[in-house]
Amino acid sequence: MLNKVLGAVCLIALAVLAGCSSPPATHRMPFEAHADRAGLDPLIDAPLRMSTSCKGTSLFTAGNKLGGFSFECPDLDVIATLNELRDAGWRVEKLHIGKQIVSEDESGTPLTVELRKVY
């Protein structure tokens, strides 16, 4: 009788340990931002606290407003203005201002932003 009780306790302990060692099952799939997910807007449907880096589509020049300046975000597979990103719940964490470029036909500064999804 004692052997049966000890055997049952050992089996229960092994089952508990086996359950603790395996990774927890999750119902959420990793976020795939690219256009292969029809019907989802990657700016709005991105998971909270996701971060991404976006590069300006052109040089930032005098007279432009930063809110209307377009950025290309390859992780999200979108091109959007800073206002559109803000309205979709993204906030700027870092703004990198590159060295000014002066050429015959244009003059400006390259911009890169690091964004985080906050809502």
Protein backbone atom coordinates (compact mmCIF):
# COMPACT_ATOMS: atom_id res chain seq x y z
CA MET A 1 0.00 0.00 0.00
CA LEU A 2 2.80 2.42 0.91
CA ASN A 3 4.56 1.65 -2.39
CA LYS A 4 1.39 2.55 -4.33
CA VAL A 5 1.03 5.87 -2.49
CA LEU A 6 4.71 6.74 -3.01
CA GLY A 7 4.45 5.76 -6.67
CA ALA A 8 1.39 7.97 -7.14
CA VAL A 9 3.13 10.91 -5.41
CA CYS A 10 6.18 10.45 -7.66
CA LEU A 11 3.99 10.38 -10.77
CA ILE A 12 2.22 13.56 -9.69
CA ALA A 13 5.55 15.26 -8.93
CA LEU A 14 6.91 14.25 -12.34
CA ALA A 15 3.79 15.56 -14.07
CA VAL A 16 4.07 18.89 -12.24
CA LEU A 17 7.77 19.20 -13.09
CA ALA A 18 7.14 18.32 -16.73
CA GLY A 19 4.41 20.96 -16.92
CA CYS A 20 6.71 23.61 -15.44
CA SER A 21 9.58 22.87 -17.80
CA SER A 22 7.65 23.28 -21.02
CA PRO A 23 7.05 26.81 -22.34
CA PRO A 24 3.57 28.13 -21.66
CA ALA A 25 1.11 27.78 -24.50
CA THR A 26 0.07 31.10 -25.97
CA HIS A 27 -2.88 31.95 -28.14
CA ARG A 28 -1.16 35.02 -29.61
CA MET A 29 0.84 34.71 -32.79
CA PRO A 30 3.91 36.92 -33.28
CA PHE A 31 3.15 40.14 -35.11
CA GLU A 32 3.87 40.03 -38.83
CA ALA A 33 3.53 43.58 -40.01
CA HIS A 34 3.97 43.09 -43.73
CA ALA A 35 1.15 43.16 -46.26
CA ASP A 36 0.56 39.39 -46.13
CA ARG A 37 -2.05 39.94 -43.41
CA ALA A 38 -5.02 41.21 -45.38
CA GLY A 39 -7.48 43.46 -43.60
CA LEU A 40 -5.14 44.66 -40.87
CA ASP A 41 -3.61 48.11 -40.62
CA PRO A 42 -0.04 47.62 -39.40
CA LEU A 43 0.05 51.08 -37.80
CA ILE A 44 -3.02 50.42 -35.66
CA ASP A 45 -2.81 46.64 -35.18
CA ALA A 46 0.82 46.49 -34.06
CA PRO A 47 1.23 45.14 -30.51
CA LEU A 48 1.65 47.57 -27.63
CA ARG A 49 5.23 48.51 -26.72
CA MET A 50 6.52 47.42 -30.13
CA SER A 51 9.38 49.61 -31.30
CA THR A 52 10.51 50.37 -34.82
CA SER A 53 12.88 52.63 -36.68
CA CYS A 54 11.76 54.74 -39.64
CA LYS A 55 13.82 56.71 -42.13
CA GLY A 56 12.73 59.94 -43.84
CA THR A 57 11.65 59.44 -47.45
CA SER A 58 13.51 62.60 -48.48
CA LEU A 59 15.70 65.26 -46.95
CA PHE A 60 14.11 67.51 -44.35
CA THR A 61 14.39 71.09 -45.58
CA ALA A 62 13.67 74.52 -44.18
CA GLY A 63 10.01 75.43 -44.38
CA ASN A 64 8.76 71.86 -43.92
CA LYS A 65 6.67 70.96 -40.90
CA LEU A 66 7.90 67.90 -39.04
CA GLY A 67 4.36 66.59 -38.52
CA GLY A 68 3.77 66.35 -42.27
CA PHE A 69 7.16 64.83 -43.09
CA SER A 70 6.93 61.26 -44.46
CA PHE A 71 8.87 58.35 -42.99
CA GLU A 72 9.38 54.86 -44.41
CA CYS A 73 9.00 52.13 -41.79
CA PRO A 74 10.26 48.83 -43.24
CA ASP A 75 9.25 46.78 -40.16
CA LEU A 76 5.65 47.90 -40.68
CA ASP A 77 5.85 47.99 -44.49
CA VAL A 78 4.33 51.50 -44.59
CA ILE A 79 5.16 55.07 -45.50
CA ALA A 80 3.42 57.53 -43.19
CA THR A 81 3.73 61.06 -41.91
CA LEU A 82 4.63 61.73 -38.32
CA ASN A 83 1.04 62.94 -37.74
CA GLU A 84 -0.36 59.64 -39.07
CA LEU A 85 2.00 57.67 -36.87
CA ARG A 86 1.04 59.73 -33.82
CA ASP A 87 -2.68 59.31 -34.53
CA ALA A 88 -2.21 55.52 -34.75
CA GLY A 89 -0.70 55.39 -31.25
CA TRP A 90 3.03 55.69 -31.97
CA ARG A 91 5.32 58.04 -30.03
CA VAL A 92 8.79 59.27 -30.93
CA GLU A 93 11.46 57.98 -28.57
CA LYS A 94 14.48 59.28 -30.47
CA LEU A 95 14.96 61.63 -33.39
CA HIS A 96 18.28 61.29 -35.22
CA ILE A 97 19.25 64.34 -37.25
CA GLY A 98 21.94 63.55 -39.80
CA LYS A 99 24.58 65.79 -41.27
CA GLN A 100 23.28 68.44 -43.66
CA ILE A 101 23.60 67.51 -47.33
CA VAL A 102 24.11 70.29 -49.85
CA SER A 103 24.06 69.52 -53.56
CA GLU A 104 23.29 71.46 -56.71
CA ASP A 105 19.59 70.64 -56.76
CA GLU A 106 18.73 70.13 -53.08
CA SER A 107 19.80 70.89 -49.56
CA GLY A 108 18.52 69.28 -46.39
CA THR A 109 19.04 66.93 -43.50
CA PRO A 110 18.28 63.21 -43.33
CA LEU A 111 16.03 62.22 -40.42
CA THR A 112 15.52 58.89 -38.68
CA VAL A 113 13.05 58.29 -35.84
CA GLU A 114 12.71 55.50 -33.33
CA LEU A 115 9.07 54.95 -32.41
CA ARG A 116 7.18 52.94 -29.82
CA LYS A 117 3.53 51.86 -29.92
CA VAL A 118 1.85 53.21 -26.76
CA TYR A 119 -1.86 52.65 -27.46
